[in-house]
């Protein structure tokens, strides 16, 4: 009987020992909590809240910057259309509006950068204070103020070319009108007056050459150069005819007939319609103007992509924080 009691007592103490051991293990496990993930929202919540408010503000500035760059691109496309149409006034108006838009871009970029600089608890060691999600938002926003760097240089280059191109169109048309006016004076046998008007045509040709030379760095000016050469050749032939007529006192001498033949041959080499002007304007549009508009659009796309990511992260963060 005593033996049975001893056995039962041993079993009871063993059971008690097992329970104590299991309880101790539970205490140890509770004291050495290992989270399922590296995230410790209970430790980063306060810093996340403060940083998120600033990140939301920075994202709003990014949206403003994106919209401002989009407006600049729109002005660029309008200016390009006005160049092809030869509308100098419209080019000037659009260029002025685009230049003002650069101020809005600079302000939005400055506001964005200042807001990012003011975000608390970011930088070295921020992984101990901020959740990975908040840190990712910050890291994605940091480079965005620099996306618009260089747009002012692009726009200055664009406006110079656009104004030259639009003025070129006007110069070509003006030259034709001036030479036609000189020929009209010649038909009326007013040769001295015709020669004076040809002086005006020559001055217009010189201006056209100056524009051509500026555009040559980025534009295929072969068609334009051929037009200038043929216009110069005709003006020279017409001038020679009138000079010979003045010397001959209007009589049909051998020199007059030869000069008249030269004028007729030079006239045949002139364009019969406006197709060369269209080609010239297309060459100018492709010579750097299109590229600047494309560059602005690429900047807008980069900003837009960054903004889309930030808006999605912002929504995900609101869900995680129960917002």
Foldseek 3Di string as FASTA:
>chain_A
DVVVVVVVVVVVVVVVVVVVVVVVVVVVCVVVDDDPDPDDCVQQVVLQVQLLVLLVVLLVLLVQLLVLLVVLLVLLVQLLVCLLVLPLVSNVVSLVVSVVSVVSNLVSLVSNQVSLVPRPQDDPPSVSHHPPLSNVSSVLSNCLSCLCPPLVVLSVVLSVLSNLSSVLLVLVVVLVVLLVVLVVCVVVVVLVVSLVSLVVSVVSLVSNVVSLVVLVVQFDCPLVVLQSVLSVQLSVLVNQLSVVCVVVVNDDDPSNVVSVVSNVVSVVSHDPDCVSVSVNSVRSCNRSSVVSSVSSVVSSVVSVVSSVVSVVSSVVVCVVVVD
